[in-house]
Amino acid sequence: MRDAKAGVSFASLAPAAAPASPPPPLPPVQAKARECDLSARVHDALRRRLGVSIYDHWLKDAALIYDEPGLTVIVASEFQRSWIEDRYGQLIGYVAREAANKAINWVRVQREDRRP
């Protein structure tokens, strides 16, 4: 009320813009076809450890390929690669060692080359 008496007008304020919708999710990487039983065990362990929401967002569509003596995580984008490597790389190695019950000496995160 005080603003109206002081001559302040809110009539010229633009309406709030609708929030932008998030981009559509990327399809699963083609390398998922190369996953094995060990990959499924590591996926399950990561889902339990990270929680469904984080797992579904970052790792559900990633391929987990056991390349003795390490694990390669293959994702669809460079952003995913960087994010997963920085925030979850060590945890993935730890969880993979527990789930596989064998040595996982390294974890490599790489972007899938989707050229035809």
Protein backbone atom coordinates (compact mmCIF):
# COMPACT_ATOMS: atom_id res chain seq x y z
CA MET A 1 0.00 0.00 0.00
CA ARG A 2 2.82 2.38 0.84
CA ASP A 3 4.33 1.83 -2.67
CA ALA A 4 1.05 2.74 -4.34
CA LYS A 5 0.94 6.04 -2.43
CA ALA A 6 4.56 6.75 -3.36
CA GLY A 7 3.75 6.44 -7.05
CA VAL A 8 5.37 3.07 -7.68
CA SER A 9 3.60 1.16 -10.43
CA PHE A 10 3.89 -2.56 -10.99
CA ALA A 11 1.83 -2.51 -14.18
CA SER A 12 4.89 -2.55 -16.46
CA LEU A 13 6.48 -5.68 -15.01
CA ALA A 14 6.72 -8.46 -17.58
CA PRO A 15 5.15 -11.78 -16.71
CA ALA A 16 7.53 -14.42 -15.47
CA ALA A 17 8.92 -16.62 -18.23
CA ALA A 18 8.01 -20.27 -18.11
CA PRO A 19 10.91 -22.43 -16.98
CA ALA A 20 12.78 -24.15 -19.78
CA SER A 21 12.16 -27.86 -20.02
CA PRO A 22 15.18 -30.10 -19.56
CA PRO A 23 16.73 -31.61 -22.67
CA PRO A 24 15.58 -35.11 -23.55
CA PRO A 25 17.71 -37.88 -22.07
CA LEU A 26 20.38 -39.42 -24.24
CA PRO A 27 19.75 -43.00 -25.38
CA PRO A 28 21.73 -45.79 -23.74
CA VAL A 29 25.17 -46.31 -25.17
CA GLN A 30 25.60 -49.06 -27.76
CA ALA A 31 28.34 -50.65 -25.65
CA LYS A 32 25.65 -51.90 -23.23
CA ALA A 33 25.36 -54.88 -25.58
CA ARG A 34 28.86 -55.92 -24.45
CA GLU A 35 28.01 -56.03 -20.73
CA CYS A 36 28.26 -59.32 -18.82
CA ASP A 37 26.97 -60.76 -15.54
CA LEU A 38 29.63 -58.86 -13.63
CA SER A 39 28.35 -55.61 -15.17
CA ALA A 40 24.85 -56.37 -13.89
CA ARG A 41 26.16 -57.00 -10.36
CA VAL A 42 28.10 -53.71 -10.40
CA HIS A 43 25.03 -51.83 -11.72
CA ASP A 44 22.91 -53.27 -8.89
CA ALA A 45 25.53 -52.40 -6.27
CA LEU A 46 25.87 -48.84 -7.60
CA ARG A 47 22.07 -48.39 -7.57
CA ARG A 48 21.97 -49.42 -3.90
CA ARG A 49 24.99 -47.32 -2.94
CA LEU A 50 24.13 -44.10 -4.82
CA GLY A 51 20.36 -44.26 -4.55
CA VAL A 52 17.89 -44.72 -7.38
CA SER A 53 17.65 -41.05 -8.35
CA ILE A 54 21.40 -40.43 -8.76
CA TYR A 55 22.00 -43.84 -10.31
CA ASP A 56 19.18 -43.43 -12.85
CA HIS A 57 20.39 -39.96 -13.83
CA TRP A 58 24.11 -40.70 -14.23
CA LEU A 59 24.82 -44.43 -14.58
CA LYS A 60 21.71 -46.35 -15.61
CA ASP A 61 22.39 -45.94 -19.35
CA ALA A 62 26.17 -46.27 -19.03
CA ALA A 63 27.93 -49.46 -20.03
CA LEU A 64 30.16 -51.07 -17.42
CA ILE A 65 32.69 -53.24 -19.23
CA TYR A 66 35.16 -55.37 -17.26
CA ASP A 67 38.54 -55.21 -19.02
CA GLU A 68 40.76 -57.31 -16.79
CA PRO A 69 42.13 -55.94 -14.52
CA GLY A 70 39.98 -52.81 -14.68
CA LEU A 71 36.54 -51.43 -15.42
CA THR A 72 35.62 -49.14 -18.29
CA VAL A 73 32.53 -46.97 -17.87
CA ILE A 74 31.21 -45.88 -21.27
CA VAL A 75 28.79 -42.94 -21.40
CA ALA A 76 27.03 -40.92 -24.11
CA SER A 77 28.44 -37.41 -23.61
CA GLU A 78 31.63 -35.63 -22.66
CA PHE A 79 29.77 -33.84 -19.84
CA GLN A 80 28.68 -37.18 -18.36
CA ARG A 81 32.20 -38.51 -18.68
CA SER A 82 33.71 -35.59 -16.83
CA TRP A 83 31.02 -35.50 -14.12
CA ILE A 84 31.15 -39.22 -13.39
CA GLU A 85 34.94 -39.33 -13.43
CA ASP A 86 35.27 -36.37 -11.04
CA ARG A 87 32.51 -37.27 -8.60
CA TYR A 88 32.05 -41.03 -8.74
CA GLY A 89 35.25 -42.54 -10.20
CA GLN A 90 36.73 -43.73 -6.92
CA LEU A 91 33.36 -44.91 -5.59
CA ILE A 92 32.72 -46.93 -8.76
CA GLY A 93 36.07 -48.67 -8.29
CA TYR A 94 35.33 -49.45 -4.64
CA VAL A 95 31.81 -50.74 -5.36
CA ALA A 96 33.03 -52.76 -8.36
CA ARG A 97 35.72 -54.46 -6.24
CA GLU A 98 33.11 -55.43 -3.65
CA ALA A 99 30.53 -56.61 -6.22
CA ALA A 100 33.04 -58.52 -8.36
CA ASN A 101 34.98 -59.97 -5.46
CA LYS A 102 38.09 -59.58 -7.57
CA ALA A 103 40.77 -56.98 -8.19
CA ILE A 104 39.70 -53.89 -10.09
CA ASN A 105 42.98 -52.02 -10.51
CA TRP A 106 41.59 -49.04 -12.40
CA VAL A 107 38.38 -47.36 -13.52
CA ARG A 108 38.35 -45.51 -16.82
CA VAL A 109 35.41 -43.35 -17.89
CA GLN A 110 35.11 -42.64 -21.60
CA ARG A 111 32.61 -41.20 -24.03
CA GLU A 112 31.25 -43.54 -26.67
CA ASP A 113 32.15 -42.63 -30.22
CA ARG A 114 28.79 -42.62 -32.00
CA ARG A 115 30.01 -42.02 -35.53
CA PRO A 116 28.52 -44.38 -38.11
